[in-house]
PDB file of N, CA and C in Angstrom:
ATOM      1  N   UNK A   1     137.605 103.281  95.811  1.00  0.00           N
ATOM      2  CA  UNK A   1     138.088 102.870  97.122  1.00  0.00           C
ATOM      3  C   UNK A   1     138.987 103.963  97.710  1.00  0.00           C
ATOM      4  N   UNK A   2     139.794 104.582  96.861  1.00  0.00           N
ATOM      5  CA  UNK A   2     140.741 105.597  97.330  1.00  0.00           C
ATOM      6  C   UNK A   2     140.016 106.770  97.992  1.00  0.00           C
ATOM      7  N   UNK A   3     138.895 107.184  97.404  1.00  0.00           N
ATOM      8  CA  UNK A   3     138.138 108.306  97.974  1.00  0.00           C
ATOM      9  C   UNK A   3     137.607 107.957  99.360  1.00  0.00           C
ATOM     10  N   UNK A   4     137.085 106.763  99.507  1.00  0.00           N
ATOM     11  CA  UNK A   4     136.581 106.318 100.809  1.00  0.00           C
ATOM     12  C   UNK A   4     137.725 106.257 101.808  1.00  0.00           C
ATOM     13  N   UNK A   5     138.844 105.710 101.377  1.00  0.00           N
ATOM     14  CA  UNK A   5     140.020 105.603 102.239  1.00  0.00           C
ATOM     15  C   UNK A   5     140.451 106.981 102.738  1.00  0.00           C
ATOM     16  N   UNK A   6     140.514 107.958 101.855  1.00  0.00           N
ATOM     17  CA  UNK A   6     140.925 109.313 102.241  1.00  0.00           C
ATOM     18  C   UNK A   6     139.932 109.946 103.209  1.00  0.00           C
ATOM     19  N   UNK A   7     138.646 109.736 102.984  1.00  0.00           N
ATOM     20  CA  UNK A   7     137.626 110.290 103.880  1.00  0.00           C
ATOM     21  C   UNK A   7     137.721 109.666 105.273  1.00  0.00           C
ATOM     22  N   UNK A   8     137.953 108.360 105.318  1.00  0.00           N
ATOM     23  CA  UNK A   8     138.070 107.688 106.619  1.00  0.00           C
ATOM     24  C   UNK A   8     139.334 108.165 107.326  1.00  0.00           C
ATOM     25  N   UNK A   9     140.431 108.311 106.600  1.00  0.00           N
ATOM     26  CA  UNK A   9     141.675 108.810 107.199  1.00  0.00           C
ATOM     27  C   UNK A   9     141.492 110.207 107.780  1.00  0.00           C
ATOM     28  N   UNK A  10     140.709 111.037 107.114  1.00  0.00           N
ATOM     29  CA  UNK A  10     140.459 112.396 107.599  1.00  0.00           C
ATOM     30  C   UNK A  10     139.596 112.385 108.860  1.00  0.00           C
ATOM     31  N   UNK A  11     138.757 111.385 109.003  1.00  0.00           N
ATOM     32  CA  UNK A  11     137.816 111.316 110.123  1.00  0.00           C
ATOM     33  C   UNK A  11     138.388 110.581 111.339  1.00  0.00           C
ATOM     34  N   UNK A  12     139.213 109.581 111.097  1.00  0.00           N
ATOM     35  CA  UNK A  12     139.667 108.684 112.165  1.00  0.00           C
ATOM     36  C   UNK A  12     141.139 108.886 112.497  1.00  0.00           C
ATOM     37  N   UNK A  13     141.453 108.758 113.768  1.00  0.00           N
ATOM     38  CA  UNK A  13     142.851 108.807 114.202  1.00  0.00           C
ATOM     39  C   UNK A  13     143.503 107.429 114.118  1.00  0.00           C
ATOM     40  N   UNK A  14     142.705 106.415 113.899  1.00  0.00           N
ATOM     41  CA  UNK A  14     143.205 105.043 113.807  1.00  0.00           C
ATOM     42  C   UNK A  14     143.720 104.812 112.390  1.00  0.00           C
ATOM     43  N   UNK A  15     144.911 104.219 112.256  1.00  0.00           N
ATOM     44  CA  UNK A  15     145.421 103.936 110.903  1.00  0.00           C
ATOM     45  C   UNK A  15     144.441 103.052 110.126  1.00  0.00           C
ATOM     46  N   UNK A  16     144.201 103.420 108.878  1.00  0.00           N
ATOM     47  CA  UNK A  16     143.253 102.678 108.042  1.00  0.00           C
ATOM     48  C   UNK A  16     143.901 102.397 106.692  1.00  0.00           C
ATOM     49  N   UNK A  17     143.627 101.218 106.173  1.00  0.00           N
ATOM     50  CA  UNK A  17     144.201 100.769 104.904  1.00  0.00           C
ATOM     51  C   UNK A  17     143.077 100.242 104.017  1.00  0.00           C
ATOM     52  N   UNK A  18     143.390 100.008 102.751  1.00  0.00           N
ATOM     53  CA  UNK A  18     142.404  99.414 101.837  1.00  0.00           C
ATOM     54  C   UNK A  18     141.809  98.148 102.446  1.00  0.00           C
ATOM     55  N   UNK A  19     142.667  97.331 103.032  1.00  0.00           N
ATOM     56  CA  UNK A  19     142.231  96.051 103.600  1.00  0.00           C
ATOM     57  C   UNK A  19     141.240  96.265 104.741  1.00  0.00           C
ATOM     58  N   UNK A  20     141.404  97.341 105.506  1.00  0.00           N
ATOM     59  CA  UNK A  20     140.464  97.637 106.593  1.00  0.00           C
ATOM     60  C   UNK A  20     139.061  97.840 106.033  1.00  0.00           C
ATOM     61  N   UNK A  21     138.985  98.619 104.960  1.00  0.00           N
ATOM     62  CA  UNK A  21     137.689  98.888 104.337  1.00  0.00           C
ATOM     63  C   UNK A  21     137.129  97.610 103.719  1.00  0.00           C
ATOM     64  N   UNK A  22     137.984  96.839 103.061  1.00  0.00           N
ATOM     65  CA  UNK A  22     137.542  95.566 102.482  1.00  0.00           C
ATOM     66  C   UNK A  22     137.010  94.628 103.557  1.00  0.00           C
ATOM     67  N   UNK A  23     137.679  94.589 104.718  1.00  0.00           N
ATOM     68  CA  UNK A  23     137.227  93.727 105.814  1.00  0.00           C
ATOM     69  C   UNK A  23     135.824  94.108 106.277  1.00  0.00           C
ATOM     70  N   UNK A  24     135.566  95.410 106.386  1.00  0.00           N
ATOM     71  CA  UNK A  24     134.241  95.868 106.814  1.00  0.00           C
ATOM     72  C   UNK A  24     133.201  95.565 105.737  1.00  0.00           C
ATOM     73  N   UNK A  25     133.532  95.835 104.486  1.00  0.00           N
ATOM     74  CA  UNK A  25     132.602  95.542 103.389  1.00  0.00           C
ATOM     75  C   UNK A  25     132.259  94.056 103.344  1.00  0.00           C
ATOM     76  N   UNK A  26     133.262  93.223 103.511  1.00  0.00           N
ATOM     77  CA  UNK A  26     133.064  91.775 103.504  1.00  0.00           C
ATOM     78  C   UNK A  26     132.181  91.336 104.668  1.00  0.00           C
ATOM     79  N   UNK A  27     132.397  91.940 105.826  1.00  0.00           N
ATOM     80  CA  UNK A  27     131.584  91.605 107.000  1.00  0.00           C
ATOM     81  C   UNK A  27     130.130  92.021 106.797  1.00  0.00           C
ATOM     82  N   UNK A  28     129.912  93.180 106.150  1.00  0.00           N
ATOM     83  CA  UNK A  28     128.543  93.635 105.885  1.00  0.00           C
ATOM     84  C   UNK A  28     127.831  92.670 104.937  1.00  0.00           C
ATOM     85  N   UNK A  29     128.574  92.056 104.035  1.00  0.00           N
ATOM     86  CA  UNK A  29     127.977  91.047 103.148  1.00  0.00           C
ATOM     87  C   UNK A  29     127.506  89.825 103.929  1.00  0.00           C
ATOM     88  N   UNK A  30     128.129  89.579 105.066  1.00  0.00           N
ATOM     89  CA  UNK A  30     127.824  88.398 105.871  1.00  0.00           C
ATOM     90  C   UNK A  30     126.670  88.632 106.839  1.00  0.00           C
ATOM     91  N   UNK A  31     126.593  89.843 107.404  1.00  0.00           N
ATOM     92  CA  UNK A  31     125.570  90.153 108.402  1.00  0.00           C
ATOM     93  C   UNK A  31     125.215  91.629 108.337  1.00  0.00           C
ATOM     94  N   UNK A  32     124.029  91.965 108.816  1.00  0.00           N
ATOM     95  CA  UNK A  32     123.658  93.379 108.883  1.00  0.00           C
ATOM     96  C   UNK A  32     123.719  93.910 110.313  1.00  0.00           C
ATOM     97  N   UNK A  33     124.146  93.074 111.250  1.00  0.00           N
ATOM     98  CA  UNK A  33     124.253  93.442 112.659  1.00  0.00           C
ATOM     99  C   UNK A  33     125.586  94.144 112.927  1.00  0.00           C
ATOM    100  N   UNK A  34     125.527  95.367 113.464  1.00  0.00           N
ATOM    101  CA  UNK A  34     126.735  96.164 113.679  1.00  0.00           C
ATOM    102  C   UNK A  34     127.791  95.420 114.494  1.00  0.00           C
ATOM    103  N   UNK A  35     127.386  94.824 115.608  1.00  0.00           N
ATOM    104  CA  UNK A  35     128.359  94.181 116.498  1.00  0.00           C
ATOM    105  C   UNK A  35     129.015  92.970 115.839  1.00  0.00           C
ATOM    106  N   UNK A  36     128.254  92.241 115.045  1.00  0.00           N
ATOM    107  CA  UNK A  36     128.838  91.108 114.318  1.00  0.00           C
ATOM    108  C   UNK A  36     129.775  91.599 113.220  1.00  0.00           C
ATOM    109  N   UNK A  37     129.444  92.742 112.615  1.00  0.00           N
ATOM    110  CA  UNK A  37     130.330  93.336 111.610  1.00  0.00           C
ATOM    111  C   UNK A  37     131.667  93.691 112.249  1.00  0.00           C
ATOM    112  N   UNK A  38     131.617  94.284 113.438  1.00  0.00           N
ATOM    113  CA  UNK A  38     132.852  94.619 114.163  1.00  0.00           C
ATOM    114  C   UNK A  38     133.657  93.353 114.425  1.00  0.00           C
ATOM    115  N   UNK A  39     132.982  92.313 114.900  1.00  0.00           N
ATOM    116  CA  UNK A  39     133.657  91.051 115.215  1.00  0.00           C
ATOM    117  C   UNK A  39     134.261  90.408 113.970  1.00  0.00           C
ATOM    118  N   UNK A  40     133.480  90.281 112.929  1.00  0.00           N
ATOM    119  CA  UNK A  40     133.943  89.612 111.708  1.00  0.00           C
ATOM    120  C   UNK A  40     135.043  90.389 110.989  1.00  0.00           C
ATOM    121  N   UNK A  41     134.958  91.711 111.025  1.00  0.00           N
ATOM    122  CA  UNK A  41     135.945  92.520 110.299  1.00  0.00           C
ATOM    123  C   UNK A  41     137.310  92.499 110.975  1.00  0.00           C
ATOM    124  N   UNK A  42     137.321  92.217 112.273  1.00  0.00           N
ATOM    125  CA  UNK A  42     138.556  92.211 113.062  1.00  0.00           C
ATOM    126  C   UNK A  42     139.266  93.562 113.005  1.00  0.00           C
ATOM    127  N   UNK A  43     138.469  94.628 112.925  1.00  0.00           N
ATOM    128  CA  UNK A  43     138.979  95.994 112.943  1.00  0.00           C
ATOM    129  C   UNK A  43     138.496  96.658 114.231  1.00  0.00           C
ATOM    130  N   UNK A  44     139.204  97.705 114.703  1.00  0.00           N
ATOM    131  CA  UNK A  44     138.772  98.393 115.927  1.00  0.00           C
ATOM    132  C   UNK A  44     137.369  98.992 115.778  1.00  0.00           C
ATOM    133  N   UNK A  45     136.588  98.903 116.835  1.00  0.00           N
ATOM    134  CA  UNK A  45     135.212  99.373 116.825  1.00  0.00           C
ATOM    135  C   UNK A  45     135.075 100.810 116.318  1.00  0.00           C
ATOM    136  N   UNK A  46     135.858 101.786 116.819  1.00  0.00           N
ATOM    137  CA  UNK A  46     135.692 103.157 116.314  1.00  0.00           C
ATOM    138  C   UNK A  46     135.976 103.268 114.815  1.00  0.00           C
ATOM    139  N   UNK A  47     136.919 102.480 114.325  1.00  0.00           N
ATOM    140  CA  UNK A  47     137.240 102.507 112.903  1.00  0.00           C
ATOM    141  C   UNK A  47     136.090 101.932 112.077  1.00  0.00           C
ATOM    142  N   UNK A  48     135.500 100.845 112.541  1.00  0.00           N
ATOM    143  CA  UNK A  48     134.357 100.249 111.839  1.00  0.00           C
ATOM    144  C   UNK A  48     133.212 101.260 111.776  1.00  0.00           C
ATOM    145  N   UNK A  49     132.950 101.941 112.893  1.00  0.00           N
ATOM    146  CA  UNK A  49     131.883 102.947 112.920  1.00  0.00           C
ATOM    147  C   UNK A  49     132.174 104.069 111.927  1.00  0.00           C
ATOM    148  N   UNK A  50     133.419 104.537 111.880  1.00  0.00           N
ATOM    149  CA  UNK A  50     133.789 105.599 110.931  1.00  0.00           C
ATOM    150  C   UNK A  50     133.637 105.136 109.487  1.00  0.00           C
ATOM    151  N   UNK A  51     134.079 103.921 109.203  1.00  0.00           N
ATOM    152  CA  UNK A  51     133.972 103.386 107.839  1.00  0.00           C
ATOM    153  C   UNK A  51     132.504 103.290 107.426  1.00  0.00           C
ATOM    154  N   UNK A  52     131.664 102.779 108.316  1.00  0.00           N
ATOM    155  CA  UNK A  52     130.240 102.641 107.993  1.00  0.00           C
ATOM    156  C   UNK A  52     129.601 104.008 107.771  1.00  0.00           C
ATOM    157  N   UNK A  53     129.977 105.005 108.581  1.00  0.00           N
ATOM    158  CA  UNK A  53     129.435 106.357 108.380  1.00  0.00           C
ATOM    159  C   UNK A  53     129.804 106.903 107.003  1.00  0.00           C
ATOM    160  N   UNK A  54     131.060 106.708 106.605  1.00  0.00           N
ATOM    161  CA  UNK A  54     131.511 107.182 105.292  1.00  0.00           C
ATOM    162  C   UNK A  54     130.797 106.416 104.182  1.00  0.00           C
ATOM    163  N   UNK A  55     130.645 105.108 104.355  1.00  0.00           N
ATOM    164  CA  UNK A  55     129.922 104.309 103.357  1.00  0.00           C
ATOM    165  C   UNK A  55     128.484 104.807 103.210  1.00  0.00           C
ATOM    166  N   UNK A  56     127.883 105.203 104.330  1.00  0.00           N
ATOM    167  CA  UNK A  56     126.519 105.744 104.276  1.00  0.00           C
ATOM    168  C   UNK A  56     126.509 107.099 103.555  1.00  0.00           C
ATOM    169  N   UNK A  57     127.473 107.963 103.876  1.00  0.00           N
ATOM    170  CA  UNK A  57     127.576 109.267 103.205  1.00  0.00           C
ATOM    171  C   UNK A  57     127.743 109.108 101.697  1.00  0.00           C
ATOM    172  N   UNK A  58     128.472 108.066 101.300  1.00  0.00           N
ATOM    173  CA  UNK A  58     128.729 107.811  99.880  1.00  0.00           C
ATOM    174  C   UNK A  58     127.560 107.100  99.190  1.00  0.00           C
ATOM    175  N   UNK A  59     126.540 106.758  99.969  1.00  0.00           N
ATOM    176  CA  UNK A  59     125.373 106.096  99.398  1.00  0.00           C
ATOM    177  C   UNK A  59     125.580 104.620  99.114  1.00  0.00           C
ATOM    178  N   UNK A  60     126.590 104.025  99.755  1.00  0.00           N
ATOM    179  CA  UNK A  60     126.886 102.610  99.520  1.00  0.00           C
ATOM    180  C   UNK A  60     126.127 101.689 100.470  1.00  0.00           C
ATOM    181  N   UNK A  61     125.800 102.203 101.666  1.00  0.00           N
ATOM    182  CA  UNK A  61     125.007 101.423 102.617  1.00  0.00           C
ATOM    183  C   UNK A  61     123.867 102.284 103.132  1.00  0.00           C
ATOM    184  N   UNK A  62     122.830 101.606 103.598  1.00  0.00           N
ATOM    185  CA  UNK A  62     121.742 102.290 104.289  1.00  0.00           C
ATOM    186  C   UNK A  62     121.616 101.657 105.666  1.00  0.00           C
ATOM    187  N   UNK A  63     121.276 102.484 106.631  1.00  0.00           N
ATOM    188  CA  UNK A  63     121.154 102.006 108.004  1.00  0.00           C
ATOM    189  C   UNK A  63     119.706 102.189 108.434  1.00  0.00           C
ATOM    190  N   UNK A  64     119.049 101.072 108.755  1.00  0.00           N
ATOM    191  CA  UNK A  64     117.684 101.142 109.279  1.00  0.00           C
ATOM    192  C   UNK A  64     117.601 100.166 110.446  1.00  0.00           C
ATOM    193  N   UNK A  65     117.100  98.978 110.215  1.00  0.00           N
ATOM    194  CA  UNK A  65     117.106  97.942 111.259  1.00  0.00           C
ATOM    195  C   UNK A  65     118.417  97.178 111.267  1.00  0.00           C
ATOM    196  N   UNK A  66     119.275  97.519 110.377  1.00  0.00           N
ATOM    197  CA  UNK A  66     120.591  96.907 110.245  1.00  0.00           C
ATOM    198  C   UNK A  66     121.349  97.682 109.189  1.00  0.00           C
ATOM    199  N   UNK A  67     122.492  97.197 108.837  1.00  0.00           N
ATOM    200  CA  UNK A  67     123.334  97.854 107.845  1.00  0.00           C
ATOM    201  C   UNK A  67     123.294  97.012 106.576  1.00  0.00           C
ATOM    202  N   UNK A  68     122.801  97.608 105.503  1.00  0.00           N
ATOM    203  CA  UNK A  68     122.643  96.868 104.249  1.00  0.00           C
ATOM    204  C   UNK A  68     123.193  97.678 103.089  1.00  0.00           C
ATOM    205  N   UNK A  69     123.657  96.976 102.070  1.00  0.00           N
ATOM    206  CA  UNK A  69     124.149  97.642 100.871  1.00  0.00           C
ATOM    207  C   UNK A  69     123.000  98.204 100.049  1.00  0.00           C
ATOM    208  N   UNK A  70     123.238  99.355  99.460  1.00  0.00           N
ATOM    209  CA  UNK A  70     122.316  99.907  98.477  1.00  0.00           C
ATOM    210  C   UNK A  70     122.658  99.267  97.132  1.00  0.00           C
ATOM    211  N   UNK A  71     121.900  99.598  96.109  1.00  0.00           N
ATOM    212  CA  UNK A  71     122.222  99.092  94.774  1.00  0.00           C
ATOM    213  C   UNK A  71     123.618  99.575  94.364  1.00  0.00           C
ATOM    214  N   UNK A  72     123.899 100.838  94.655  1.00  0.00           N
ATOM    215  CA  UNK A  72     125.223 101.402  94.357  1.00  0.00           C
ATOM    216  C   UNK A  72     126.309 100.644  95.123  1.00  0.00           C
ATOM    217  N   UNK A  73     126.019 100.294  96.377  1.00  0.00           N
ATOM    218  CA  UNK A  73     126.967  99.543  97.195  1.00  0.00           C
ATOM    219  C   UNK A  73     127.231  98.156  96.648  1.00  0.00           C
ATOM    220  N   UNK A  74     126.172  97.493  96.192  1.00  0.00           N
ATOM    221  CA  UNK A  74     126.332  96.158  95.599  1.00  0.00           C
ATOM    222  C   UNK A  74     127.192  96.208  94.346  1.00  0.00           C
ATOM    223  N   UNK A  75     126.996  97.234  93.533  1.00  0.00           N
ATOM    224  CA  UNK A  75     127.825  97.403  92.334  1.00  0.00           C
ATOM    225  C   UNK A  75     129.281  97.654  92.723  1.00  0.00           C
ATOM    226  N   UNK A  76     129.472  98.446  93.781  1.00  0.00           N
ATOM    227  CA  UNK A  76     130.817  98.777  94.254  1.00  0.00           C
ATOM    228  C   UNK A  76     131.579  97.526  94.687  1.00  0.00           C
ATOM    229  N   UNK A  77     130.945  96.693  95.521  1.00  0.00           N
ATOM    230  CA  UNK A  77     131.654  95.501  96.001  1.00  0.00           C
ATOM    231  C   UNK A  77     131.910  94.505  94.882  1.00  0.00           C
ATOM    232  N   UNK A  78     130.985  94.421  93.937  1.00  0.00           N
ATOM    233  CA  UNK A  78     131.203  93.534  92.786  1.00  0.00           C
ATOM    234  C   UNK A  78     132.381  94.017  91.950  1.00  0.00           C
ATOM    235  N   UNK A  79     132.501  95.336  91.797  1.00  0.00           N
ATOM    236  CA  UNK A  79     133.592  95.880  90.975  1.00  0.00           C
ATOM    237  C   UNK A  79     134.959  95.604  91.592  1.00  0.00           C
ATOM    238  N   UNK A  80     135.007  95.439  92.921  1.00  0.00           N
ATOM    239  CA  UNK A  80     136.267  95.133  93.602  1.00  0.00           C
ATOM    240  C   UNK A  80     136.420  93.640  93.902  1.00  0.00           C
ATOM    241  N   UNK A  81     135.429  92.849  93.555  1.00  0.00           N
ATOM    242  CA  UNK A  81     135.512  91.406  93.774  1.00  0.00           C
ATOM    243  C   UNK A  81     135.522  91.010  95.237  1.00  0.00           C
ATOM    244  N   UNK A  82     134.819  91.777  96.055  1.00  0.00           N
ATOM    245  CA  UNK A  82     134.782  91.498  97.493  1.00  0.00           C
ATOM    246  C   UNK A  82     133.672  90.489  97.770  1.00  0.00           C
ATOM    247  N   UNK A  83     134.004  89.442  98.520  1.00  0.00           N
ATOM    248  CA  UNK A  83     133.036  88.410  98.867  1.00  0.00           C
ATOM    249  C   UNK A  83     132.700  88.436 100.343  1.00  0.00           C
ATOM    250  N   UNK A  84     131.714  87.656 100.717  1.00  0.00           N
ATOM    251  CA  UNK A  84     131.294  87.566 102.114  1.00  0.00           C
ATOM    252  C   UNK A  84     132.408  86.983 102.968  1.00  0.00           C
ATOM    253  N   UNK A  85     132.466  87.416 104.200  1.00  0.00           N
ATOM    254  CA  UNK A  85     133.462  86.947 105.154  1.00  0.00           C
ATOM    255  C   UNK A  85     133.136  85.510 105.543  1.00  0.00           C
ATOM    256  N   UNK A  86     134.143  84.650 105.498  1.00  0.00           N
ATOM    257  CA  UNK A  86     133.964  83.262 105.908  1.00  0.00           C
ATOM    258  C   UNK A  86     134.040  83.214 107.422  1.00  0.00           C
ATOM    259  N   UNK A  87     132.991  82.747 108.044  1.00  0.00           N
ATOM    260  CA  UNK A  87     132.923  82.724 109.500  1.00  0.00           C
ATOM    261  C   UNK A  87     133.086  81.306 110.032  1.00  0.00           C
ATOM    262  N   UNK A  88     134.035  80.573 109.487  1.00  0.00           N
ATOM    263  CA  UNK A  88     134.224  79.202 109.949  1.00  0.00           C
ATOM    264  C   UNK A  88     135.073  79.196 111.216  1.00  0.00           C
ATOM    265  N   UNK A  89     134.686  78.360 112.129  1.00  0.00           N
ATOM    266  CA  UNK A  89     135.377  78.236 113.409  1.00  0.00           C
ATOM    267  C   UNK A  89     135.998  76.853 113.476  1.00  0.00           C
ATOM    268  N   UNK A  90     137.201  76.785 113.951  1.00  0.00           N
ATOM    269  CA  UNK A  90     137.910  75.519 114.079  1.00  0.00           C
ATOM    270  C   UNK A  90     137.105  74.562 114.960  1.00  0.00           C
ATOM    271  N   UNK A  91     136.875  73.357 114.464  1.00  0.00           N
ATOM    272  CA  UNK A  91     136.115  72.367 115.219  1.00  0.00           C
ATOM    273  C   UNK A  91     136.898  71.841 116.417  1.00  0.00           C
ATOM    274  N   UNK A  92     138.223  71.852 116.312  1.00  0.00           N
ATOM    275  CA  UNK A  92     139.048  71.319 117.398  1.00  0.00           C
ATOM    276  C   UNK A  92     139.069  72.253 118.605  1.00  0.00           C
ATOM    277  N   UNK A  93     139.294  73.546 118.355  1.00  0.00           N
ATOM    278  CA  UNK A  93     139.456  74.482 119.468  1.00  0.00           C
ATOM    279  C   UNK A  93     138.242  75.379 119.652  1.00  0.00           C
ATOM    280  N   UNK A  94     137.226  75.231 118.792  1.00  0.00           N
ATOM    281  CA  UNK A  94     136.004  76.030 118.838  1.00  0.00           C
ATOM    282  C   UNK A  94     136.303  77.524 118.829  1.00  0.00           C
ATOM    283  N   UNK A  95     137.316  77.915 118.064  1.00  0.00           N
ATOM    284  CA  UNK A  95     137.642  79.321 117.894  1.00  0.00           C
ATOM    285  C   UNK A  95     138.550  79.920 118.948  1.00  0.00           C
ATOM    286  N   UNK A  96     139.038  79.099 119.876  1.00  0.00           N
ATOM    287  CA  UNK A  96     139.914  79.630 120.921  1.00  0.00           C
ATOM    288  C   UNK A  96     141.330  79.837 120.419  1.00  0.00           C
ATOM    289  N   UNK A  97     141.681  79.207 119.330  1.00  0.00           N
ATOM    290  CA  UNK A  97     143.023  79.365 118.780  1.00  0.00           C
ATOM    291  C   UNK A  97     144.045  78.455 119.422  1.00  0.00           C
ATOM    292  N   UNK A  98     143.596  77.374 120.018  1.00  0.00           N
ATOM    293  CA  UNK A  98     144.501  76.429 120.661  1.00  0.00           C
ATOM    294  C   UNK A  98     144.761  75.281 119.694  1.00  0.00           C
ATOM    295  N   UNK A  99     146.016  75.041 119.399  1.00  0.00           N
ATOM    296  CA  UNK A  99     146.376  73.943 118.512  1.00  0.00           C
ATOM    297  C   UNK A  99     146.618  72.690 119.339  1.00  0.00           C
ATOM    298  N   UNK A 100     146.028  71.589 118.912  1.00  0.00           N
ATOM    299  CA  UNK A 100     146.228  70.324 119.621  1.00  0.00           C
ATOM    300  C   UNK A 100     147.558  69.679 119.264  1.00  0.00           C
ATOM    301  N   UNK A 101     148.231  70.218 118.259  1.00  0.00           N
ATOM    302  CA  UNK A 101     149.497  69.645 117.804  1.00  0.00           C
ATOM    303  C   UNK A 101     150.520  69.581 118.947  1.00  0.00           C
ATOM    304  N   UNK A 102     150.542  70.588 119.786  1.00  0.00           N
ATOM    305  CA  UNK A 102     151.507  70.628 120.888  1.00  0.00           C
ATOM    306  C   UNK A 102     151.135  69.691 122.035  1.00  0.00           C
ATOM    307  N   UNK A 103     149.943  69.125 121.984  1.00  0.00           N
ATOM    308  CA  UNK A 103     149.471  68.272 123.068  1.00  0.00           C
ATOM    309  C   UNK A 103     149.203  66.844 122.602  1.00  0.00           C
ATOM    310  N   UNK A 104     149.870  66.420 121.542  1.00  0.00           N
ATOM    311  CA  UNK A 104     149.651  65.083 120.989  1.00  0.00           C
ATOM    312  C   UNK A 104     149.916  63.989 122.013  1.00  0.00           C
ATOM    313  N   UNK A 105     150.990  64.139 122.807  1.00  0.00           N
ATOM    314  CA  UNK A 105     151.304  63.106 123.798  1.00  0.00           C
ATOM    315  C   UNK A 105     150.198  62.994 124.850  1.00  0.00           C
ATOM    316  N   UNK A 106     149.661  64.124 125.294  1.00  0.00           N
ATOM    317  CA  UNK A 106     148.563  64.094 126.259  1.00  0.00           C
ATOM    318  C   UNK A 106     147.300  63.506 125.635  1.00  0.00           C
ATOM    319  N   UNK A 107     147.057  63.832 124.391  1.00  0.00           N
ATOM    320  CA  UNK A 107     145.890  63.310 123.692  1.00  0.00           C
ATOM    321  C   UNK A 107     145.970  61.791 123.557  1.00  0.00           C
ATOM    322  N   UNK A 108     147.141  61.282 123.203  1.00  0.00           N
ATOM    323  CA  UNK A 108     147.326  59.831 123.079  1.00  0.00           C
ATOM    324  C   UNK A 108     147.132  59.150 124.431  1.00  0.00           C
ATOM    325  N   UNK A 109     147.682  59.763 125.472  1.00  0.00           N
ATOM    326  CA  UNK A 109     147.542  59.191 126.821  1.00  0.00           C
ATOM    327  C   UNK A 109     146.063  59.176 127.226  1.00  0.00           C
ATOM    328  N   UNK A 110     145.354  60.263 126.946  1.00  0.00           N
ATOM    329  CA  UNK A 110     143.928  60.346 127.245  1.00  0.00           C
ATOM    330  C   UNK A 110     143.152  59.245 126.521  1.00  0.00           C
ATOM    331  N   UNK A 111     143.479  59.039 125.246  1.00  0.00           N
ATOM    332  CA  UNK A 111     142.793  58.009 124.465  1.00  0.00           C
ATOM    333  C   UNK A 111     143.014  56.627 125.054  1.00  0.00           C
ATOM    334  N   UNK A 112     144.222  56.368 125.589  1.00  0.00           N
ATOM    335  CA  UNK A 112     144.505  55.076 126.220  1.00  0.00           C
ATOM    336  C   UNK A 112     143.700  54.904 127.500  1.00  0.00           C
ATOM    337  N   UNK A 113     143.582  55.977 128.266  1.00  0.00           N
ATOM    338  CA  UNK A 113     142.865  55.919 129.545  1.00  0.00           C
ATOM    339  C   UNK A 113     141.378  55.648 129.331  1.00  0.00           C
ATOM    340  N   UNK A 114     140.788  56.273 128.324  1.00  0.00           N
ATOM    341  CA  UNK A 114     139.343  56.139 128.131  1.00  0.00           C
ATOM    342  C   UNK A 114     138.931  54.885 127.374  1.00  0.00           C
ATOM    343  N   UNK A 115     139.886  54.054 126.940  1.00  0.00           N
ATOM    344  CA  UNK A 115     139.548  52.816 126.223  1.00  0.00           C
ATOM    345  C   UNK A 115     138.741  51.882 127.065  1.00  0.00           C
TER     346      UNK A 115
END
């Protein structure tokens, strides 16, 4: 991981950490679509592109119709215990990040009105 981290730091002006690389690796386990990888990893787009390029140079991923791990890449993620990114979305706010806790009084009033 350290070698990949150093290569990405040399290539990118964006600060990068072990967790940044783990986030991208985890996202690749979830999808092979570049844009979804960017979304799931929650890392800046240029950084994700740089990380993927380095992963390809290292022989960990191959890029064809999507981004997929090579056998070497699969061994790498297993050795670090990296799992697929959980893409669960809150059922209450549908991923908007709005907590209903602050609106309990309005919710109760709404429930009374619709009875």
